[in-house]
Amino acid sequence: MRIRSLHIHPVKSLLPVSLPSTSLSATGFPHDRTFLLQRLDTSPPKVLQIGHHAPLCLFAVTISSDNTTLTVTHRPSAESTSFPLSPAGSALGDQVEITLYQSSTAARLVGIEQDEFFTAKLGFPTRLVYLGFGKRKVLGNVAPTAESSGVVGSLLRWTGLGAAKEEERFITFADVASLMITSTVSMDTLSTKLPEGAVTMDRFRPNIVVEPEEGEDVEAFEEDFWGELKVAGDEASEVVIALTANCARCQSLNVDFETGAHVHKDRQILKVLSKDRRVDPGMKYSSVFGRYGFLVGGQEAQLKIGDRVTVSKRLEERTVFQWPGLGTST
């Protein structure tokens, strides 16, 4: 296989930015999900996510050519706001606490101008926050262990034998892991089952999309059993990514990216997936598409489109997702 595409979502739940290449660290790709929006007329302020607030898909995101400035454009009005991609501490506002899926971190307010922009476009009081030096701990059984490439240790955790050996990992405002990996083969197979035919992969919000090379036999949804990937580019060293958990899908799949509303129930991707993709006992009511992953080893790595991808570890059984309060293996 090869890497088909690479993506980041600088502002959580807004549209992605596609990259030809990127570095990769233990917390994922640089600038991926380092900003998020909060709704302020709720108590406590609510983190805005596209599955619950479809109009977030109406905001496109671009990064300046010098990699310093982020611009968010509201597509219907063509109006935009710009701010530093990596704001300096002195330019930021007060510190606030952000909790996602029971994992919390400190964040900083970005600016009144940005808050006013999103408030006007979304129709309710909103603020933009920046992760900065904050970090969220990976909970449950999602993080790879320190043993070997993470796969052997993860297998121990999935059977309940290795919880004490779990390596501490941290993530940005990504839901539960630093990487999301999907396959074009699975996407193509799903598209044949949808009333409207093919859908674009951006609905699934991956970081890495892989595709088979010409003549290579890759089955749909075989990634359920991938335990580890090795990525080889032009350099001699290989990048190792441990795949530790399934991705349970939510209502974000049913968002119409053109209208900013949810599609009619007869055209919902999630409904089609639910027919045969409820395959994880840890999330028995949720449909699975894609795998969560983490870089193995402490050194920063480099990835680019076209890099060769090999499945270096396969699992005999699917993993079982466990996260505090979000499902168990029972």
C-alpha atoms as a PDB file:
ATOM      1  CA  MET A   1       0.000   0.000   0.000  1.00  0.00           C
ATOM      2  CA  ARG A   2       0.909   3.661  -0.171  1.00  0.00           C
ATOM      3  CA  ILE A   3      -0.160   6.847   1.556  1.00  0.00           C
ATOM      4  CA  ARG A   4      -2.911   8.370  -0.552  1.00  0.00           C
ATOM      5  CA  SER A   5      -3.361  11.581   1.451  1.00  0.00           C
ATOM      6  CA  LEU A   6      -2.471  13.358   4.689  1.00  0.00           C
ATOM      7  CA  HIS A   7      -4.761  15.702   6.620  1.00  0.00           C
ATOM      8  CA  ILE A   8      -4.972  17.915   9.675  1.00  0.00           C
ATOM      9  CA  HIS A   9      -7.892  19.761  11.251  1.00  0.00           C
ATOM     10  CA  PRO A  10      -6.281  22.818  12.886  1.00  0.00           C
ATOM     11  CA  VAL A  11      -9.646  23.870  14.350  1.00  0.00           C
ATOM     12  CA  LYS A  12     -11.501  20.860  15.673  1.00  0.00           C
ATOM     13  CA  SER A  13     -14.608  19.997  13.607  1.00  0.00           C
ATOM     14  CA  LEU A  14     -13.992  22.577  10.883  1.00  0.00           C
ATOM     15  CA  LEU A  15     -12.919  21.457   7.390  1.00  0.00           C
ATOM     16  CA  PRO A  16      -9.506  19.811   6.966  1.00  0.00           C
ATOM     17  CA  VAL A  17      -6.250  20.995   5.460  1.00  0.00           C
ATOM     18  CA  SER A  18      -4.567  18.497   3.117  1.00  0.00           C
ATOM     19  CA  LEU A  19      -0.786  18.224   3.206  1.00  0.00           C
ATOM     20  CA  PRO A  20       1.774  16.811   0.747  1.00  0.00           C
ATOM     21  CA  SER A  21       4.045  15.904   3.656  1.00  0.00           C
ATOM     22  CA  THR A  22       4.309  16.397   7.391  1.00  0.00           C
ATOM     23  CA  SER A  23       6.297  15.544  10.458  1.00  0.00           C
ATOM     24  CA  LEU A  24       4.867  13.184  13.057  1.00  0.00           C
ATOM     25  CA  SER A  25       5.455  13.081  16.801  1.00  0.00           C
ATOM     26  CA  ALA A  26       3.990  11.195  19.738  1.00  0.00           C
ATOM     27  CA  THR A  27       1.059  13.647  19.851  1.00  0.00           C
ATOM     28  CA  GLY A  28       0.340  13.389  16.114  1.00  0.00           C
ATOM     29  CA  PHE A  29       0.757  15.830  13.226  1.00  0.00           C
ATOM     30  CA  PRO A  30       1.774  19.432  13.993  1.00  0.00           C
ATOM     31  CA  HIS A  31      -1.206  21.814  14.336  1.00  0.00           C
ATOM     32  CA  ASP A  32      -3.783  19.015  14.210  1.00  0.00           C
ATOM     33  CA  ARG A  33      -6.747  19.949  16.383  1.00  0.00           C
ATOM     34  CA  THR A  34      -4.886  22.568  18.409  1.00  0.00           C
ATOM     35  CA  PHE A  35      -7.845  24.982  18.374  1.00  0.00           C
ATOM     36  CA  LEU A  36     -11.483  24.398  19.227  1.00  0.00           C
ATOM     37  CA  LEU A  37     -14.709  26.332  19.625  1.00  0.00           C
ATOM     38  CA  GLN A  38     -16.914  26.538  22.701  1.00  0.00           C
ATOM     39  CA  ARG A  39     -20.537  27.571  22.976  1.00  0.00           C
ATOM     40  CA  LEU A  40     -20.928  30.030  25.858  1.00  0.00           C
ATOM     41  CA  ASP A  41     -24.691  30.042  26.450  1.00  0.00           C
ATOM     42  CA  THR A  42     -24.505  26.635  28.122  1.00  0.00           C
ATOM     43  CA  SER A  43     -23.251  25.768  31.589  1.00  0.00           C
ATOM     44  CA  PRO A  44     -20.517  24.716  31.503  1.00  0.00           C
ATOM     45  CA  PRO A  45     -19.456  26.021  28.054  1.00  0.00           C
ATOM     46  CA  LYS A  46     -19.906  23.248  25.521  1.00  0.00           C
ATOM     47  CA  VAL A  47     -17.192  22.068  23.130  1.00  0.00           C
ATOM     48  CA  LEU A  48     -18.586  22.363  19.604  1.00  0.00           C
ATOM     49  CA  GLN A  49     -18.312  19.198  17.511  1.00  0.00           C
ATOM     50  CA  ILE A  50     -19.636  18.672  14.027  1.00  0.00           C
ATOM     51  CA  GLY A  51     -21.736  15.646  14.918  1.00  0.00           C
ATOM     52  CA  HIS A  52     -23.898  17.822  17.170  1.00  0.00           C
ATOM     53  CA  HIS A  53     -23.579  21.101  15.275  1.00  0.00           C
ATOM     54  CA  ALA A  54     -23.577  20.525  11.530  1.00  0.00           C
ATOM     55  CA  PRO A  55     -22.958  24.177  10.435  1.00  0.00           C
ATOM     56  CA  LEU A  56     -19.326  23.795  11.505  1.00  0.00           C
ATOM     57  CA  CYS A  57     -18.732  22.173   8.103  1.00  0.00           C
ATOM     58  CA  LEU A  58     -19.393  25.542   6.479  1.00  0.00           C
ATOM     59  CA  PHE A  59     -16.020  26.867   7.664  1.00  0.00           C
ATOM     60  CA  ALA A  60     -13.003  26.233   5.423  1.00  0.00           C
ATOM     61  CA  VAL A  61      -9.461  26.453   6.810  1.00  0.00           C
ATOM     62  CA  THR A  62      -6.229  27.441   5.056  1.00  0.00           C
ATOM     63  CA  ILE A  63      -2.639  27.871   6.209  1.00  0.00           C
ATOM     64  CA  SER A  64      -0.420  30.611   4.799  1.00  0.00           C
ATOM     65  CA  SER A  65       2.502  29.668   2.563  1.00  0.00           C
ATOM     66  CA  ASP A  66       4.980  30.635   5.285  1.00  0.00           C
ATOM     67  CA  ASN A  67       3.174  28.356   7.759  1.00  0.00           C
ATOM     68  CA  THR A  68       2.486  31.153  10.243  1.00  0.00           C
ATOM     69  CA  THR A  69      -1.135  32.177   9.771  1.00  0.00           C
ATOM     70  CA  LEU A  70      -4.423  30.310   9.909  1.00  0.00           C
ATOM     71  CA  THR A  71      -7.411  31.693   8.003  1.00  0.00           C
ATOM     72  CA  VAL A  72     -10.958  30.476   8.597  1.00  0.00           C
ATOM     73  CA  THR A  73     -13.496  31.362   5.911  1.00  0.00           C
ATOM     74  CA  HIS A  74     -17.243  31.098   6.332  1.00  0.00           C
ATOM     75  CA  ARG A  75     -18.140  29.666   2.933  1.00  0.00           C
ATOM     76  CA  PRO A  76     -21.708  31.023   2.581  1.00  0.00           C
ATOM     77  CA  SER A  77     -20.690  34.625   3.308  1.00  0.00           C
ATOM     78  CA  ALA A  78     -17.057  34.422   2.071  1.00  0.00           C
ATOM     79  CA  GLU A  79     -16.051  36.367   5.183  1.00  0.00           C
ATOM     80  CA  SER A  80     -12.995  35.264   7.122  1.00  0.00           C
ATOM     81  CA  THR A  81     -10.836  35.731  10.167  1.00  0.00           C
ATOM     82  CA  SER A  82      -7.088  35.142  10.475  1.00  0.00           C
ATOM     83  CA  PHE A  83      -4.880  34.444  13.480  1.00  0.00           C
ATOM     84  CA  PRO A  84      -1.448  32.955  14.211  1.00  0.00           C
ATOM     85  CA  LEU A  85      -1.098  29.230  13.628  1.00  0.00           C
ATOM     86  CA  SER A  86       1.011  29.036  16.796  1.00  0.00           C
ATOM     87  CA  PRO A  87      -0.004  32.022  18.951  1.00  0.00           C
ATOM     88  CA  ALA A  88       2.581  33.346  21.382  1.00  0.00           C
ATOM     89  CA  GLY A  89       1.630  33.248  25.034  1.00  0.00           C
ATOM     90  CA  SER A  90       1.726  37.026  25.373  1.00  0.00           C
ATOM     91  CA  ALA A  91      -0.886  37.389  22.633  1.00  0.00           C
ATOM     92  CA  LEU A  92      -3.346  34.991  24.248  1.00  0.00           C
ATOM     93  CA  GLY A  93      -6.066  35.613  26.781  1.00  0.00           C
ATOM     94  CA  ASP A  94      -7.114  33.915  29.985  1.00  0.00           C
ATOM     95  CA  GLN A  95      -6.623  30.261  30.744  1.00  0.00           C
ATOM     96  CA  VAL A  96      -9.643  27.947  30.680  1.00  0.00           C
ATOM     97  CA  GLU A  97     -10.090  24.235  31.271  1.00  0.00           C
ATOM     98  CA  ILE A  98     -11.271  22.032  28.418  1.00  0.00           C
ATOM     99  CA  THR A  99     -12.595  18.512  28.972  1.00  0.00           C
ATOM    100  CA  LEU A 100     -13.137  16.095  26.091  1.00  0.00           C
ATOM    101  CA  TYR A 101     -14.231  12.530  26.758  1.00  0.00           C
ATOM    102  CA  GLN A 102     -13.253  12.877  30.419  1.00  0.00           C
ATOM    103  CA  SER A 103      -9.678  13.920  29.533  1.00  0.00           C
ATOM    104  CA  SER A 104      -8.926  17.521  30.526  1.00  0.00           C
ATOM    105  CA  THR A 105      -6.310  20.150  29.782  1.00  0.00           C
ATOM    106  CA  ALA A 106      -5.646  23.850  30.170  1.00  0.00           C
ATOM    107  CA  ALA A 107      -6.141  26.083  27.115  1.00  0.00           C
ATOM    108  CA  ARG A 108      -5.977  29.810  26.365  1.00  0.00           C
ATOM    109  CA  LEU A 109      -8.455  32.216  24.802  1.00  0.00           C
ATOM    110  CA  VAL A 110      -7.401  33.372  21.327  1.00  0.00           C
ATOM    111  CA  GLY A 111      -8.976  36.795  20.847  1.00  0.00           C
ATOM    112  CA  ILE A 112     -12.103  38.960  20.875  1.00  0.00           C
ATOM    113  CA  GLU A 113     -12.017  39.422  17.085  1.00  0.00           C
ATOM    114  CA  GLN A 114     -12.209  35.675  16.487  1.00  0.00           C
ATOM    115  CA  ASP A 115     -14.900  35.215  19.124  1.00  0.00           C
ATOM    116  CA  GLU A 116     -17.034  37.910  17.468  1.00  0.00           C
ATOM    117  CA  PHE A 117     -16.561  36.324  14.040  1.00  0.00           C
ATOM    118  CA  PHE A 118     -17.714  32.863  15.115  1.00  0.00           C
ATOM    119  CA  THR A 119     -20.501  34.298  17.261  1.00  0.00           C
ATOM    120  CA  ALA A 120     -21.895  36.208  14.271  1.00  0.00           C
ATOM    121  CA  LYS A 121     -21.706  33.232  11.902  1.00  0.00           C
ATOM    122  CA  LEU A 122     -23.003  30.583  14.289  1.00  0.00           C
ATOM    123  CA  GLY A 123     -25.721  32.686  15.885  1.00  0.00           C
ATOM    124  CA  PHE A 124     -24.823  32.135  19.540  1.00  0.00           C
ATOM    125  CA  PRO A 125     -22.004  33.314  21.835  1.00  0.00           C
ATOM    126  CA  THR A 126     -18.843  31.427  20.912  1.00  0.00           C
ATOM    127  CA  ARG A 127     -15.171  31.554  21.831  1.00  0.00           C
ATOM    128  CA  LEU A 128     -12.063  30.135  20.214  1.00  0.00           C
ATOM    129  CA  VAL A 129      -9.437  28.510  22.422  1.00  0.00           C
ATOM    130  CA  TYR A 130      -5.881  27.331  21.764  1.00  0.00           C
ATOM    131  CA  LEU A 131      -4.159  24.303  23.255  1.00  0.00           C
ATOM    132  CA  GLY A 132      -0.700  25.853  23.491  1.00  0.00           C
ATOM    133  CA  PHE A 133       1.411  23.821  25.894  1.00  0.00           C
ATOM    134  CA  GLY A 134      -1.620  21.989  27.239  1.00  0.00           C
ATOM    135  CA  LYS A 135      -2.046  18.261  26.710  1.00  0.00           C
ATOM    136  CA  ARG A 136      -4.731  15.674  27.344  1.00  0.00           C
ATOM    137  CA  LYS A 137      -3.964  12.256  28.715  1.00  0.00           C
ATOM    138  CA  VAL A 138      -4.974   9.226  26.650  1.00  0.00           C
ATOM    139  CA  LEU A 139      -7.331   7.145  28.775  1.00  0.00           C
ATOM    140  CA  GLY A 140      -8.745   3.638  28.662  1.00  0.00           C
ATOM    141  CA  ASN A 141      -6.922   1.019  26.602  1.00  0.00           C
ATOM    142  CA  VAL A 142      -6.239   3.204  23.581  1.00  0.00           C
ATOM    143  CA  ALA A 143      -2.592   4.151  24.183  1.00  0.00           C
ATOM    144  CA  PRO A 144       0.083   1.669  23.094  1.00  0.00           C
ATOM    145  CA  THR A 145       2.236   0.160  25.789  1.00  0.00           C
ATOM    146  CA  ALA A 146       5.974   0.628  26.111  1.00  0.00           C
ATOM    147  CA  GLU A 147       6.768  -2.976  25.200  1.00  0.00           C
ATOM    148  CA  SER A 148       8.191  -3.595  21.709  1.00  0.00           C
ATOM    149  CA  SER A 149       6.194  -1.721  19.097  1.00  0.00           C
ATOM    150  CA  GLY A 150       3.184  -1.418  21.346  1.00  0.00           C
ATOM    151  CA  VAL A 151       1.314  -4.313  19.780  1.00  0.00           C
ATOM    152  CA  VAL A 152       2.326  -7.110  22.137  1.00  0.00           C
ATOM    153  CA  GLY A 153       1.667  -4.906  25.131  1.00  0.00           C
ATOM    154  CA  SER A 154      -1.634  -3.774  23.674  1.00  0.00           C
ATOM    155  CA  LEU A 155      -2.725  -7.360  23.237  1.00  0.00           C
ATOM    156  CA  LEU A 156      -2.010  -7.881  26.925  1.00  0.00           C
ATOM    157  CA  ARG A 157      -4.096  -4.848  27.809  1.00  0.00           C
ATOM    158  CA  TRP A 158      -6.961  -5.961  25.610  1.00  0.00           C
ATOM    159  CA  THR A 159      -7.056  -9.220  27.578  1.00  0.00           C
ATOM    160  CA  GLY A 160      -6.769  -7.330  30.860  1.00  0.00           C
ATOM    161  CA  LEU A 161      -3.243  -8.528  31.669  1.00  0.00           C
ATOM    162  CA  GLY A 162      -1.114  -5.477  30.989  1.00  0.00           C
ATOM    163  CA  ALA A 163      -2.909  -2.465  32.414  1.00  0.00           C
ATOM    164  CA  ALA A 164      -0.132  -1.696  34.879  1.00  0.00           C
ATOM    165  CA  LYS A 165       2.437  -1.466  32.086  1.00  0.00           C
ATOM    166  CA  GLU A 166       0.570   1.079  30.010  1.00  0.00           C
ATOM    167  CA  GLU A 167       2.708   3.909  28.645  1.00  0.00           C
ATOM    168  CA  GLU A 168       1.473   7.405  29.426  1.00  0.00           C
ATOM    169  CA  ARG A 169       0.473   9.196  26.228  1.00  0.00           C
ATOM    170  CA  PHE A 170      -0.888  12.656  25.497  1.00  0.00           C
ATOM    171  CA  ILE A 171      -2.989  14.096  22.696  1.00  0.00           C
ATOM    172  CA  THR A 172      -4.300  17.441  21.463  1.00  0.00           C
ATOM    173  CA  PHE A 173      -8.022  18.151  21.017  1.00  0.00           C
ATOM    174  CA  ALA A 174      -8.322  14.957  18.951  1.00  0.00           C
ATOM    175  CA  ASP A 175     -11.017  12.744  20.445  1.00  0.00           C
ATOM    176  CA  VAL A 176      -9.038   9.844  21.916  1.00  0.00           C
ATOM    177  CA  ALA A 177      -5.855   9.215  19.883  1.00  0.00           C
ATOM    178  CA  SER A 178      -3.172  11.107  18.007  1.00  0.00           C
ATOM    179  CA  LEU A 179      -3.861   9.534  14.588  1.00  0.00           C
ATOM    180  CA  MET A 180      -6.803   8.255  12.590  1.00  0.00           C
ATOM    181  CA  ILE A 181      -6.062   5.898   9.675  1.00  0.00           C
ATOM    182  CA  THR A 182      -8.560   4.917   6.964  1.00  0.00           C
ATOM    183  CA  SER A 183      -8.465   2.894   3.729  1.00  0.00           C
ATOM    184  CA  THR A 184      -9.725   3.839   0.271  1.00  0.00           C
ATOM    185  CA  VAL A 185     -10.786   0.218  -0.270  1.00  0.00           C
ATOM    186  CA  SER A 186     -13.207   0.404   2.649  1.00  0.00           C
ATOM    187  CA  MET A 187     -14.440   3.808   1.476  1.00  0.00           C
ATOM    188  CA  ASP A 188     -15.068   2.513  -2.051  1.00  0.00           C
ATOM    189  CA  THR A 189     -16.947  -0.508  -0.719  1.00  0.00           C
ATOM    190  CA  LEU A 190     -19.106   1.647   1.511  1.00  0.00           C
ATOM    191  CA  SER A 191     -19.870   3.984  -1.388  1.00  0.00           C
ATOM    192  CA  THR A 192     -21.430   1.124  -3.361  1.00  0.00           C
ATOM    193  CA  LYS A 193     -23.987   0.724  -0.576  1.00  0.00           C
ATOM    194  CA  LEU A 194     -24.992   4.378  -0.375  1.00  0.00           C
ATOM    195  CA  PRO A 195     -28.002   5.772  -2.259  1.00  0.00           C
ATOM    196  CA  GLU A 196     -26.014   8.741  -3.573  1.00  0.00           C
ATOM    197  CA  GLY A 197     -22.984   6.666  -4.469  1.00  0.00           C
ATOM    198  CA  ALA A 198     -19.450   7.796  -3.722  1.00  0.00           C
ATOM    199  CA  VAL A 199     -18.748  10.071  -0.788  1.00  0.00           C
ATOM    200  CA  THR A 200     -15.530  11.877  -0.022  1.00  0.00           C
ATOM    201  CA  MET A 201     -13.164  10.726   2.692  1.00  0.00           C
ATOM    202  CA  ASP A 202     -13.278  14.101   4.460  1.00  0.00           C
ATOM    203  CA  ARG A 203     -16.567  12.974   6.033  1.00  0.00           C
ATOM    204  CA  PHE A 204     -14.472  10.505   8.055  1.00  0.00           C
ATOM    205  CA  ARG A 205     -11.890  13.082   9.178  1.00  0.00           C
ATOM    206  CA  PRO A 206      -8.739  10.915   8.914  1.00  0.00           C
ATOM    207  CA  ASN A 207      -5.117  11.941   9.306  1.00  0.00           C
ATOM    208  CA  ILE A 208      -3.714   9.236   7.034  1.00  0.00           C
ATOM    209  CA  VAL A 209      -5.499   7.588   4.103  1.00  0.00           C
ATOM    210  CA  VAL A 210      -3.888   4.504   2.600  1.00  0.00           C
ATOM    211  CA  GLU A 211      -4.570   2.858  -0.751  1.00  0.00           C
ATOM    212  CA  PRO A 212      -3.375  -0.373  -2.415  1.00  0.00           C
ATOM    213  CA  GLU A 213      -0.718  -0.303  -5.057  1.00  0.00           C
ATOM    214  CA  GLU A 214      -1.601  -1.532  -8.531  1.00  0.00           C
ATOM    215  CA  GLY A 215      -2.320  -5.248  -8.429  1.00  0.00           C
ATOM    216  CA  GLU A 216      -2.182  -5.420  -4.621  1.00  0.00           C
ATOM    217  CA  ASP A 217      -5.010  -7.334  -2.942  1.00  0.00           C
ATOM    218  CA  VAL A 218      -6.442  -5.378  -0.006  1.00  0.00           C
ATOM    219  CA  GLU A 219      -9.869  -6.278   1.339  1.00  0.00           C
ATOM    220  CA  ALA A 220     -12.482  -3.858   2.578  1.00  0.00           C
ATOM    221  CA  PHE A 221     -12.356  -3.319   6.345  1.00  0.00           C
ATOM    222  CA  GLU A 222      -9.338  -5.564   6.813  1.00  0.00           C
ATOM    223  CA  GLU A 223      -7.853  -2.663   8.767  1.00  0.00           C
ATOM    224  CA  ASP A 224      -9.973  -3.889  11.692  1.00  0.00           C
ATOM    225  CA  PHE A 225      -7.204  -6.461  12.175  1.00  0.00           C
ATOM    226  CA  TRP A 226      -4.170  -4.253  11.580  1.00  0.00           C
ATOM    227  CA  GLY A 227      -2.047  -4.020  14.715  1.00  0.00           C
ATOM    228  CA  GLU A 228       0.917  -2.135  13.302  1.00  0.00           C
ATOM    229  CA  LEU A 229       1.970  -0.305  10.146  1.00  0.00           C
ATOM    230  CA  LYS A 230       5.457   0.446   8.863  1.00  0.00           C
ATOM    231  CA  VAL A 231       5.866   3.417   6.564  1.00  0.00           C
ATOM    232  CA  ALA A 232       8.965   3.661   4.364  1.00  0.00           C
ATOM    233  CA  GLY A 233       9.826   6.788   2.424  1.00  0.00           C
ATOM    234  CA  ASP A 234      13.013   7.950   0.741  1.00  0.00           C
ATOM    235  CA  GLU A 235      15.036   7.672   3.929  1.00  0.00           C
ATOM    236  CA  ALA A 236      16.416   4.375   5.188  1.00  0.00           C
ATOM    237  CA  SER A 237      14.543   4.464   8.490  1.00  0.00           C
ATOM    238  CA  GLU A 238      10.979   3.173   8.787  1.00  0.00           C
ATOM    239  CA  VAL A 239       8.179   4.880  10.662  1.00  0.00           C
ATOM    240  CA  VAL A 240       6.253   2.497  12.916  1.00  0.00           C
ATOM    241  CA  ILE A 241       2.643   3.239  13.836  1.00  0.00           C
ATOM    242  CA  ALA A 242       0.809   1.105  16.384  1.00  0.00           C
ATOM    243  CA  LEU A 243      -2.914   0.763  15.674  1.00  0.00           C
ATOM    244  CA  THR A 244      -4.604   0.229  18.998  1.00  0.00           C
ATOM    245  CA  ALA A 245      -8.371   0.746  18.722  1.00  0.00           C
ATOM    246  CA  ASN A 246     -11.358   0.989  16.417  1.00  0.00           C
ATOM    247  CA  CYS A 247     -12.966   4.316  15.620  1.00  0.00           C
ATOM    248  CA  ALA A 248     -16.641   4.412  16.558  1.00  0.00           C
ATOM    249  CA  ARG A 249     -18.534   6.720  14.259  1.00  0.00           C
ATOM    250  CA  CYS A 250     -21.099   9.369  15.203  1.00  0.00           C
ATOM    251  CA  GLN A 251     -23.656  11.671  13.596  1.00  0.00           C
ATOM    252  CA  SER A 252     -20.891  13.671  11.897  1.00  0.00           C
ATOM    253  CA  LEU A 253     -21.109  11.189   8.999  1.00  0.00           C
ATOM    254  CA  ASN A 254     -24.644  12.360   8.297  1.00  0.00           C
ATOM    255  CA  VAL A 255     -23.707  16.024   7.812  1.00  0.00           C
ATOM    256  CA  ASP A 256     -24.206  17.515   4.354  1.00  0.00           C
ATOM    257  CA  PHE A 257     -21.044  19.545   3.763  1.00  0.00           C
ATOM    258  CA  GLU A 258     -22.757  21.736   1.172  1.00  0.00           C
ATOM    259  CA  THR A 259     -25.774  22.812   3.231  1.00  0.00           C
ATOM    260  CA  GLY A 260     -24.513  22.595   6.786  1.00  0.00           C
ATOM    261  CA  ALA A 261     -27.466  20.432   7.786  1.00  0.00           C
ATOM    262  CA  HIS A 262     -28.008  16.717   8.316  1.00  0.00           C
ATOM    263  CA  VAL A 263     -29.017  14.687   5.277  1.00  0.00           C
ATOM    264  CA  HIS A 264     -32.394  12.966   5.031  1.00  0.00           C
ATOM    265  CA  LYS A 265     -32.614   9.716   6.982  1.00  0.00           C
ATOM    266  CA  ASP A 266     -32.810   7.731   3.740  1.00  0.00           C
ATOM    267  CA  ARG A 267     -29.314   8.939   2.758  1.00  0.00           C
ATOM    268  CA  GLN A 268     -27.507   8.691   6.073  1.00  0.00           C
ATOM    269  CA  ILE A 269     -24.082   7.071   5.958  1.00  0.00           C
ATOM    270  CA  LEU A 270     -24.281   6.073   9.609  1.00  0.00           C
ATOM    271  CA  LYS A 271     -27.487   4.154   8.976  1.00  0.00           C
ATOM    272  CA  VAL A 272     -25.847   2.163   6.182  1.00  0.00           C
ATOM    273  CA  LEU A 273     -22.765   1.454   8.295  1.00  0.00           C
ATOM    274  CA  SER A 274     -24.880   0.224  11.190  1.00  0.00           C
ATOM    275  CA  LYS A 275     -26.146  -2.727   9.138  1.00  0.00           C
ATOM    276  CA  ASP A 276     -22.888  -4.671   9.316  1.00  0.00           C
ATOM    277  CA  ARG A 277     -20.218  -2.531  10.993  1.00  0.00           C
ATOM    278  CA  ARG A 278     -21.214  -2.799  14.658  1.00  0.00           C
ATOM    279  CA  VAL A 279     -18.238  -5.058  15.197  1.00  0.00           C
ATOM    280  CA  ASP A 280     -16.665  -3.806  18.436  1.00  0.00           C
ATOM    281  CA  PRO A 281     -18.180  -5.232  21.662  1.00  0.00           C
ATOM    282  CA  GLY A 282     -16.782  -2.257  23.564  1.00  0.00           C
ATOM    283  CA  MET A 283     -19.075   0.007  21.513  1.00  0.00           C
ATOM    284  CA  LYS A 284     -21.788  -2.442  20.563  1.00  0.00           C
ATOM    285  CA  TYR A 285     -24.230   0.241  19.395  1.00  0.00           C
ATOM    286  CA  SER A 286     -21.682   2.147  17.313  1.00  0.00           C
ATOM    287  CA  SER A 287     -20.438   1.511  13.784  1.00  0.00           C
ATOM    288  CA  VAL A 288     -16.704   1.179  13.167  1.00  0.00           C
ATOM    289  CA  PHE A 289     -14.724   2.783  10.348  1.00  0.00           C
ATOM    290  CA  GLY A 290     -10.967   3.304  10.616  1.00  0.00           C
ATOM    291  CA  ARG A 291      -8.330   2.709  13.284  1.00  0.00           C
ATOM    292  CA  TYR A 292      -6.737   4.878  15.958  1.00  0.00           C
ATOM    293  CA  GLY A 293      -2.952   4.960  15.979  1.00  0.00           C
ATOM    294  CA  PHE A 294       0.188   6.313  17.611  1.00  0.00           C
ATOM    295  CA  LEU A 295       3.785   6.788  16.530  1.00  0.00           C
ATOM    296  CA  VAL A 296       6.045   4.179  18.096  1.00  0.00           C
ATOM    297  CA  GLY A 297       9.318   5.473  19.530  1.00  0.00           C
ATOM    298  CA  GLY A 298      10.205   8.899  20.822  1.00  0.00           C
ATOM    299  CA  GLN A 299      11.816  10.364  17.695  1.00  0.00           C
ATOM    300  CA  GLU A 300       9.963  12.700  15.345  1.00  0.00           C
ATOM    301  CA  ALA A 301       9.304  11.104  11.957  1.00  0.00           C
ATOM    302  CA  GLN A 302       8.487  12.348   8.454  1.00  0.00           C
ATOM    303  CA  LEU A 303       5.646  11.199   6.192  1.00  0.00           C
ATOM    304  CA  LYS A 304       4.647  12.165   2.653  1.00  0.00           C
ATOM    305  CA  ILE A 305       2.114  11.178   0.042  1.00  0.00           C
ATOM    306  CA  GLY A 306       3.336   8.129  -1.857  1.00  0.00           C
ATOM    307  CA  ASP A 307       5.268   6.573   1.017  1.00  0.00           C
ATOM    308  CA  ARG A 308       5.015   2.786   1.032  1.00  0.00           C
ATOM    309  CA  VAL A 309       2.908   1.290   3.831  1.00  0.00           C
ATOM    310  CA  THR A 310       3.231  -2.288   5.072  1.00  0.00           C
ATOM    311  CA  VAL A 311       1.050  -4.087   7.598  1.00  0.00           C
ATOM    312  CA  SER A 312       3.759  -5.379   9.939  1.00  0.00           C
ATOM    313  CA  LYS A 313       1.460  -6.885  12.597  1.00  0.00           C
ATOM    314  CA  ARG A 314      -1.960  -8.449  12.131  1.00  0.00           C
ATOM    315  CA  LEU A 315      -4.346  -9.372  14.917  1.00  0.00           C
ATOM    316  CA  GLU A 316      -6.287 -12.625  15.110  1.00  0.00           C
ATOM    317  CA  GLU A 317      -9.253 -10.832  16.686  1.00  0.00           C
ATOM    318  CA  ARG A 318     -10.536  -7.290  16.596  1.00  0.00           C
ATOM    319  CA  THR A 319      -9.557  -5.077  19.480  1.00  0.00           C
ATOM    320  CA  VAL A 320     -12.178  -4.107  22.064  1.00  0.00           C
ATOM    321  CA  PHE A 321     -12.463  -0.403  22.799  1.00  0.00           C
ATOM    322  CA  GLN A 322     -12.439   0.686  26.439  1.00  0.00           C
ATOM    323  CA  TRP A 323     -12.733   4.272  27.632  1.00  0.00           C
ATOM    324  CA  PRO A 324     -14.010   5.514  31.003  1.00  0.00           C
ATOM    325  CA  GLY A 325     -17.755   5.928  30.745  1.00  0.00           C
ATOM    326  CA  LEU A 326     -17.847   5.306  26.983  1.00  0.00           C
ATOM    327  CA  GLY A 327     -18.107   1.543  26.836  1.00  0.00           C
ATOM    328  CA  THR A 328     -16.579  -1.630  28.178  1.00  0.00           C
ATOM    329  CA  SER A 329     -15.636  -5.018  26.857  1.00  0.00           C
ATOM    330  CA  THR A 330     -18.566  -6.755  28.517  1.00  0.00           C
END
